[in-house]
Amino acid sequence: MTIAELKVKPFAERLQLMEDLWETLSNEDNNLQSPAWHQEILEERMDLINTGQAEYVTIEELKKRIQPGECK
């Protein structure tokens, strides 16, 4: 199936296809590893949480920080 063929399908059908694809991928044992930099970022963020230095914002505050057109 091409991207053009997907674009003309109804939203609900495309969403179901995405869920079906994710289900097949998440059930495979392919030993896919996250890159080392990802683990480093997670550890940094956990350190901020554990030391009380993490900053939490509401979804409304986050939306205000994002420039229009950056997130779709």
PDB file of N, CA and C in Angstrom:
ATOM      1  N   MET A   1       0.855  -1.170   0.000  1.00  0.00           N
ATOM      2  CA  MET A   1       0.000   0.000   0.000  1.00  0.00           C
ATOM      3  C   MET A   1       0.904   1.237   0.000  1.00  0.00           C
ATOM      4  N   THR A   2       0.570   2.190  -0.837  1.00  0.00           N
ATOM      5  CA  THR A   2       1.370   3.404  -0.937  1.00  0.00           C
ATOM      6  C   THR A   2       0.836   4.485   0.007  1.00  0.00           C
ATOM      7  N   ILE A   3       1.639   5.511   0.217  1.00  0.00           N
ATOM      8  CA  ILE A   3       1.217   6.647   1.042  1.00  0.00           C
ATOM      9  C   ILE A   3      -0.009   7.302   0.426  1.00  0.00           C
ATOM     10  N   ALA A   4      -0.013   7.448  -0.896  1.00  0.00           N
ATOM     11  CA  ALA A   4      -1.159   8.064  -1.572  1.00  0.00           C
ATOM     12  C   ALA A   4      -2.432   7.258  -1.319  1.00  0.00           C
ATOM     13  N   GLU A   5      -2.327   5.946  -1.342  1.00  0.00           N
ATOM     14  CA  GLU A   5      -3.497   5.100  -1.077  1.00  0.00           C
ATOM     15  C   GLU A   5      -3.959   5.243   0.372  1.00  0.00           C
ATOM     16  N   LEU A   6      -3.010   5.372   1.288  1.00  0.00           N
ATOM     17  CA  LEU A   6      -3.366   5.548   2.696  1.00  0.00           C
ATOM     18  C   LEU A   6      -4.069   6.880   2.935  1.00  0.00           C
ATOM     19  N   LYS A   7      -3.601   7.928   2.277  1.00  0.00           N
ATOM     20  CA  LYS A   7      -4.145   9.268   2.502  1.00  0.00           C
ATOM     21  C   LYS A   7      -5.623   9.380   2.157  1.00  0.00           C
ATOM     22  N   VAL A   8      -6.103   8.564   1.251  1.00  0.00           N
ATOM     23  CA  VAL A   8      -7.515   8.661   0.849  1.00  0.00           C
ATOM     24  C   VAL A   8      -8.428   7.787   1.700  1.00  0.00           C
ATOM     25  N   LYS A   9      -7.859   6.964   2.540  1.00  0.00           N
ATOM     26  CA  LYS A   9      -8.677   6.124   3.430  1.00  0.00           C
ATOM     27  C   LYS A   9      -9.238   6.964   4.564  1.00  0.00           C
ATOM     28  N   PRO A  10     -10.396   6.595   5.074  1.00  0.00           N
ATOM     29  CA  PRO A  10     -10.978   7.331   6.207  1.00  0.00           C
ATOM     30  C   PRO A  10     -10.052   7.285   7.420  1.00  0.00           C
ATOM     31  N   PHE A  11     -10.135   8.325   8.234  1.00  0.00           N
ATOM     32  CA  PHE A  11      -9.282   8.446   9.418  1.00  0.00           C
ATOM     33  C   PHE A  11      -9.364   7.199  10.298  1.00  0.00           C
ATOM     34  N   ALA A  12     -10.569   6.740  10.579  1.00  0.00           N
ATOM     35  CA  ALA A  12     -10.746   5.584  11.472  1.00  0.00           C
ATOM     36  C   ALA A  12     -10.053   4.349  10.914  1.00  0.00           C
ATOM     37  N   GLU A  13     -10.104   4.176   9.601  1.00  0.00           N
ATOM     38  CA  GLU A  13      -9.455   3.018   8.983  1.00  0.00           C
ATOM     39  C   GLU A  13      -7.940   3.130   9.065  1.00  0.00           C
ATOM     40  N   ARG A  14      -7.407   4.346   8.844  1.00  0.00           N
ATOM     41  CA  ARG A  14      -5.959   4.546   8.957  1.00  0.00           C
ATOM     42  C   ARG A  14      -5.494   4.328  10.394  1.00  0.00           C
ATOM     43  N   LEU A  15      -6.287   4.785  11.344  1.00  0.00           N
ATOM     44  CA  LEU A  15      -5.943   4.589  12.746  1.00  0.00           C
ATOM     45  C   LEU A  15      -5.928   3.099  13.089  1.00  0.00           C
ATOM     46  N   GLN A  16      -6.901   2.369  12.592  1.00  0.00           N
ATOM     47  CA  GLN A  16      -6.940   0.926  12.846  1.00  0.00           C
ATOM     48  C   GLN A  16      -5.737   0.232  12.214  1.00  0.00           C
ATOM     49  N   LEU A  17      -5.366   0.641  11.010  1.00  0.00           N
ATOM     50  CA  LEU A  17      -4.182   0.073  10.364  1.00  0.00           C
ATOM     51  C   LEU A  17      -2.932   0.334  11.192  1.00  0.00           C
ATOM     52  N   MET A  18      -2.821   1.554  11.728  1.00  0.00           N
ATOM     53  CA  MET A  18      -1.669   1.905  12.560  1.00  0.00           C
ATOM     54  C   MET A  18      -1.636   1.030  13.816  1.00  0.00           C
ATOM     55  N   GLU A  19      -2.787   0.857  14.435  1.00  0.00           N
ATOM     56  CA  GLU A  19      -2.846   0.021  15.640  1.00  0.00           C
ATOM     57  C   GLU A  19      -2.483  -1.427  15.321  1.00  0.00           C
ATOM     58  N   ASP A  20      -2.965  -1.917  14.190  1.00  0.00           N
ATOM     59  CA  ASP A  20      -2.648  -3.291  13.786  1.00  0.00           C
ATOM     60  C   ASP A  20      -1.153  -3.451  13.514  1.00  0.00           C
ATOM     61  N   LEU A  21      -0.570  -2.466  12.846  1.00  0.00           N
ATOM     62  CA  LEU A  21       0.859  -2.511  12.566  1.00  0.00           C
ATOM     63  C   LEU A  21       1.663  -2.475  13.862  1.00  0.00           C
ATOM     64  N   TRP A  22       1.271  -1.569  14.769  1.00  0.00           N
ATOM     65  CA  TRP A  22       1.982  -1.477  16.050  1.00  0.00           C
ATOM     66  C   TRP A  22       1.891  -2.795  16.815  1.00  0.00           C
ATOM     67  N   GLU A  23       0.729  -3.412  16.784  1.00  0.00           N
ATOM     68  CA  GLU A  23       0.542  -4.689  17.486  1.00  0.00           C
ATOM     69  C   GLU A  23       1.503  -5.744  16.947  1.00  0.00           C
ATOM     70  N   THR A  24       1.658  -5.807  15.635  1.00  0.00           N
ATOM     71  CA  THR A  24       2.577  -6.805  15.068  1.00  0.00           C
ATOM     72  C   THR A  24       4.023  -6.492  15.429  1.00  0.00           C
ATOM     73  N   LEU A  25       4.375  -5.211  15.439  1.00  0.00           N
ATOM     74  CA  LEU A  25       5.751  -4.836  15.767  1.00  0.00           C
ATOM     75  C   LEU A  25       6.064  -5.052  17.241  1.00  0.00           C
ATOM     76  N   SER A  26       5.127  -4.719  18.104  1.00  0.00           N
ATOM     77  CA  SER A  26       5.395  -4.804  19.542  1.00  0.00           C
ATOM     78  C   SER A  26       5.445  -6.243  20.040  1.00  0.00           C
ATOM     79  N   ASN A  27       4.901  -7.155  19.272  1.00  0.00           N
ATOM     80  CA  ASN A  27       4.906  -8.558  19.693  1.00  0.00           C
ATOM     81  C   ASN A  27       6.094  -9.341  19.142  1.00  0.00           C
ATOM     82  N   GLU A  28       6.913  -8.712  18.321  1.00  0.00           N
ATOM     83  CA  GLU A  28       8.082  -9.396  17.768  1.00  0.00           C
ATOM     84  C   GLU A  28       9.241  -9.338  18.751  1.00  0.00           C
ATOM     85  N   ASP A  29       9.983 -10.412  18.788  1.00  0.00           N
ATOM     86  CA  ASP A  29      11.187 -10.444  19.613  1.00  0.00           C
ATOM     87  C   ASP A  29      12.375 -10.190  18.692  1.00  0.00           C
ATOM     88  N   ASN A  30      12.650  -8.914  18.445  1.00  0.00           N
ATOM     89  CA  ASN A  30      13.721  -8.580  17.504  1.00  0.00           C
ATOM     90  C   ASN A  30      14.950  -7.990  18.193  1.00  0.00           C
ATOM     91  N   ASN A  31      14.923  -7.937  19.508  1.00  0.00           N
ATOM     92  CA  ASN A  31      16.056  -7.425  20.287  1.00  0.00           C
ATOM     93  C   ASN A  31      16.473  -6.023  19.869  1.00  0.00           C
ATOM     94  N   LEU A  32      15.528  -5.216  19.478  1.00  0.00           N
ATOM     95  CA  LEU A  32      15.815  -3.839  19.107  1.00  0.00           C
ATOM     96  C   LEU A  32      16.198  -3.064  20.352  1.00  0.00           C
ATOM     97  N   GLN A  33      17.350  -2.429  20.308  1.00  0.00           N
ATOM     98  CA  GLN A  33      17.866  -1.707  21.458  1.00  0.00           C
ATOM     99  C   GLN A  33      17.770  -0.203  21.221  1.00  0.00           C
ATOM    100  N   SER A  34      17.453   0.525  22.255  1.00  0.00           N
ATOM    101  CA  SER A  34      17.482   1.976  22.174  1.00  0.00           C
ATOM    102  C   SER A  34      18.932   2.427  22.115  1.00  0.00           C
ATOM    103  N   PRO A  35      19.183   3.554  21.458  1.00  0.00           N
ATOM    104  CA  PRO A  35      20.567   4.047  21.406  1.00  0.00           C
ATOM    105  C   PRO A  35      21.038   4.479  22.789  1.00  0.00           C
ATOM    106  N   ALA A  36      22.340   4.482  23.001  1.00  0.00           N
ATOM    107  CA  ALA A  36      22.921   4.822  24.306  1.00  0.00           C
ATOM    108  C   ALA A  36      22.514   6.223  24.751  1.00  0.00           C
ATOM    109  N   TRP A  37      22.435   7.174  23.811  1.00  0.00           N
ATOM    110  CA  TRP A  37      22.088   8.545  24.181  1.00  0.00           C
ATOM    111  C   TRP A  37      20.691   8.618  24.785  1.00  0.00           C
ATOM    112  N   HIS A  38      19.813   7.724  24.372  1.00  0.00           N
ATOM    113  CA  HIS A  38      18.454   7.718  24.908  1.00  0.00           C
ATOM    114  C   HIS A  38      18.477   7.335  26.388  1.00  0.00           C
ATOM    115  N   GLN A  39      19.258   6.326  26.724  1.00  0.00           N
ATOM    116  CA  GLN A  39      19.380   5.907  28.123  1.00  0.00           C
ATOM    117  C   GLN A  39      19.982   7.019  28.969  1.00  0.00           C
ATOM    118  N   GLU A  40      20.941   7.741  28.416  1.00  0.00           N
ATOM    119  CA  GLU A  40      21.562   8.847  29.144  1.00  0.00           C
ATOM    120  C   GLU A  40      20.538   9.935  29.466  1.00  0.00           C
ATOM    121  N   ILE A  41      19.698  10.265  28.506  1.00  0.00           N
ATOM    122  CA  ILE A  41      18.674  11.288  28.731  1.00  0.00           C
ATOM    123  C   ILE A  41      17.670  10.820  29.789  1.00  0.00           C
ATOM    124  N   LEU A  42      17.270   9.561  29.707  1.00  0.00           N
ATOM    125  CA  LEU A  42      16.341   9.031  30.710  1.00  0.00           C
ATOM    126  C   LEU A  42      16.944   9.089  32.112  1.00  0.00           C
ATOM    127  N   GLU A  43      18.228   8.755  32.220  1.00  0.00           N
ATOM    128  CA  GLU A  43      18.888   8.801  33.526  1.00  0.00           C
ATOM    129  C   GLU A  43      18.976  10.234  34.050  1.00  0.00           C
ATOM    130  N   GLU A  44      19.281  11.188  33.158  1.00  0.00           N
ATOM    131  CA  GLU A  44      19.336  12.594  33.566  1.00  0.00           C
ATOM    132  C   GLU A  44      17.972  13.059  34.083  1.00  0.00           C
ATOM    133  N   ARG A  45      16.933  12.676  33.385  1.00  0.00           N
ATOM    134  CA  ARG A  45      15.590  13.094  33.792  1.00  0.00           C
ATOM    135  C   ARG A  45      15.171  12.436  35.105  1.00  0.00           C
ATOM    136  N   MET A  46      15.544  11.179  35.295  1.00  0.00           N
ATOM    137  CA  MET A  46      15.231  10.513  36.561  1.00  0.00           C
ATOM    138  C   MET A  46      15.985  11.169  37.714  1.00  0.00           C
ATOM    139  N   ASP A  47      17.226  11.590  37.451  1.00  0.00           N
ATOM    140  CA  ASP A  47      17.988  12.299  38.481  1.00  0.00           C
ATOM    141  C   ASP A  47      17.281  13.592  38.874  1.00  0.00           C
ATOM    142  N   LEU A  48      16.772  14.339  37.891  1.00  0.00           N
ATOM    143  CA  LEU A  48      16.044  15.578  38.181  1.00  0.00           C
ATOM    144  C   LEU A  48      14.800  15.293  39.019  1.00  0.00           C
ATOM    145  N   ILE A  49      14.102  14.239  38.673  1.00  0.00           N
ATOM    146  CA  ILE A  49      12.901  13.861  39.436  1.00  0.00           C
ATOM    147  C   ILE A  49      13.283  13.472  40.859  1.00  0.00           C
ATOM    148  N   ASN A  50      14.289  12.618  40.990  1.00  0.00           N
ATOM    149  CA  ASN A  50      14.689  12.108  42.303  1.00  0.00           C
ATOM    150  C   ASN A  50      15.266  13.180  43.222  1.00  0.00           C
ATOM    151  N   THR A  51      15.839  14.244  42.656  1.00  0.00           N
ATOM    152  CA  THR A  51      16.401  15.320  43.474  1.00  0.00           C
ATOM    153  C   THR A  51      15.436  16.490  43.637  1.00  0.00           C
ATOM    154  N   GLY A  52      14.229  16.340  43.098  1.00  0.00           N
ATOM    155  CA  GLY A  52      13.225  17.394  43.228  1.00  0.00           C
ATOM    156  C   GLY A  52      13.461  18.593  42.332  1.00  0.00           C
ATOM    157  N   GLN A  53      14.277  18.438  41.322  1.00  0.00           N
ATOM    158  CA  GLN A  53      14.600  19.545  40.428  1.00  0.00           C
ATOM    159  C   GLN A  53      13.816  19.516  39.117  1.00  0.00           C
ATOM    160  N   ALA A  54      12.995  18.506  38.931  1.00  0.00           N
ATOM    161  CA  ALA A  54      12.232  18.397  37.684  1.00  0.00           C
ATOM    162  C   ALA A  54      11.170  19.475  37.616  1.00  0.00           C
ATOM    163  N   GLU A  55      10.958  19.977  36.419  1.00  0.00           N
ATOM    164  CA  GLU A  55       9.925  20.990  36.210  1.00  0.00           C
ATOM    165  C   GLU A  55       8.737  20.316  35.536  1.00  0.00           C
ATOM    166  N   TYR A  56       7.580  20.492  36.115  1.00  0.00           N
ATOM    167  CA  TYR A  56       6.367  19.921  35.547  1.00  0.00           C
ATOM    168  C   TYR A  56       5.481  21.045  35.047  1.00  0.00           C
ATOM    169  N   VAL A  57       4.877  20.848  33.903  1.00  0.00           N
ATOM    170  CA  VAL A  57       3.969  21.843  33.350  1.00  0.00           C
ATOM    171  C   VAL A  57       2.666  21.159  32.951  1.00  0.00           C
ATOM    172  N   THR A  58       1.601  21.937  32.934  1.00  0.00           N
ATOM    173  CA  THR A  58       0.319  21.394  32.472  1.00  0.00           C
ATOM    174  C   THR A  58       0.327  21.334  30.955  1.00  0.00           C
ATOM    175  N   ILE A  59      -0.601  20.608  30.406  1.00  0.00           N
ATOM    176  CA  ILE A  59      -0.695  20.523  28.955  1.00  0.00           C
ATOM    177  C   ILE A  59      -0.977  21.897  28.360  1.00  0.00           C
ATOM    178  N   GLU A  60      -1.736  22.706  29.073  1.00  0.00           N
ATOM    179  CA  GLU A  60      -2.029  24.058  28.597  1.00  0.00           C
ATOM    180  C   GLU A  60      -0.754  24.893  28.529  1.00  0.00           C
ATOM    181  N   GLU A  61       0.086  24.786  29.561  1.00  0.00           N
ATOM    182  CA  GLU A  61       1.350  25.525  29.574  1.00  0.00           C
ATOM    183  C   GLU A  61       2.266  25.041  28.449  1.00  0.00           C
ATOM    184  N   LEU A  62       2.288  23.758  28.229  1.00  0.00           N
ATOM    185  CA  LEU A  62       3.115  23.189  27.167  1.00  0.00           C
ATOM    186  C   LEU A  62       2.671  23.697  25.802  1.00  0.00           C
ATOM    187  N   LYS A  63       1.373  23.737  25.575  1.00  0.00           N
ATOM    188  CA  LYS A  63       0.851  24.219  24.295  1.00  0.00           C
ATOM    189  C   LYS A  63       1.254  25.660  24.049  1.00  0.00           C
ATOM    190  N   LYS A  64       1.301  26.473  25.107  1.00  0.00           N
ATOM    191  CA  LYS A  64       1.697  27.871  24.962  1.00  0.00           C
ATOM    192  C   LYS A  64       3.173  27.991  24.576  1.00  0.00           C
ATOM    193  N   ARG A  65       3.993  27.052  25.034  1.00  0.00           N
ATOM    194  CA  ARG A  65       5.426  27.090  24.745  1.00  0.00           C
ATOM    195  C   ARG A  65       5.744  26.668  23.309  1.00  0.00           C
ATOM    196  N   ILE A  66       4.894  25.835  22.748  1.00  0.00           N
ATOM    197  CA  ILE A  66       5.141  25.313  21.403  1.00  0.00           C
ATOM    198  C   ILE A  66       4.729  26.354  20.377  1.00  0.00           C
ATOM    199  N   GLN A  67       5.610  26.611  19.453  1.00  0.00           N
ATOM    200  CA  GLN A  67       5.310  27.571  18.393  1.00  0.00           C
ATOM    201  C   GLN A  67       4.294  26.962  17.429  1.00  0.00           C
ATOM    202  N   PRO A  68       3.383  27.768  16.900  1.00  0.00           N
ATOM    203  CA  PRO A  68       2.418  27.259  15.915  1.00  0.00           C
ATOM    204  C   PRO A  68       3.138  26.600  14.738  1.00  0.00           C
ATOM    205  N   GLY A  69       2.638  25.440  14.370  1.00  0.00           N
ATOM    206  CA  GLY A  69       3.216  24.718  13.233  1.00  0.00           C
ATOM    207  C   GLY A  69       4.336  23.767  13.589  1.00  0.00           C
ATOM    208  N   GLU A  70       4.839  23.809  14.834  1.00  0.00           N
ATOM    209  CA  GLU A  70       5.931  22.922  15.222  1.00  0.00           C
ATOM    210  C   GLU A  70       5.462  21.508  15.485  1.00  0.00           C
ATOM    211  N   CYS A  71       4.276  21.379  16.036  1.00  0.00           N
ATOM    212  CA  CYS A  71       3.779  20.070  16.453  1.00  0.00           C
ATOM    213  C   CYS A  71       2.468  19.786  15.736  1.00  0.00           C
ATOM    214  N   LYS A  72       2.432  18.688  15.015  1.00  0.00           N
ATOM    215  CA  LYS A  72       1.203  18.349  14.277  1.00  0.00           C
ATOM    216  C   LYS A  72       0.761  16.961  14.619  1.00  0.00           C
TER     217      LYS A  72
END
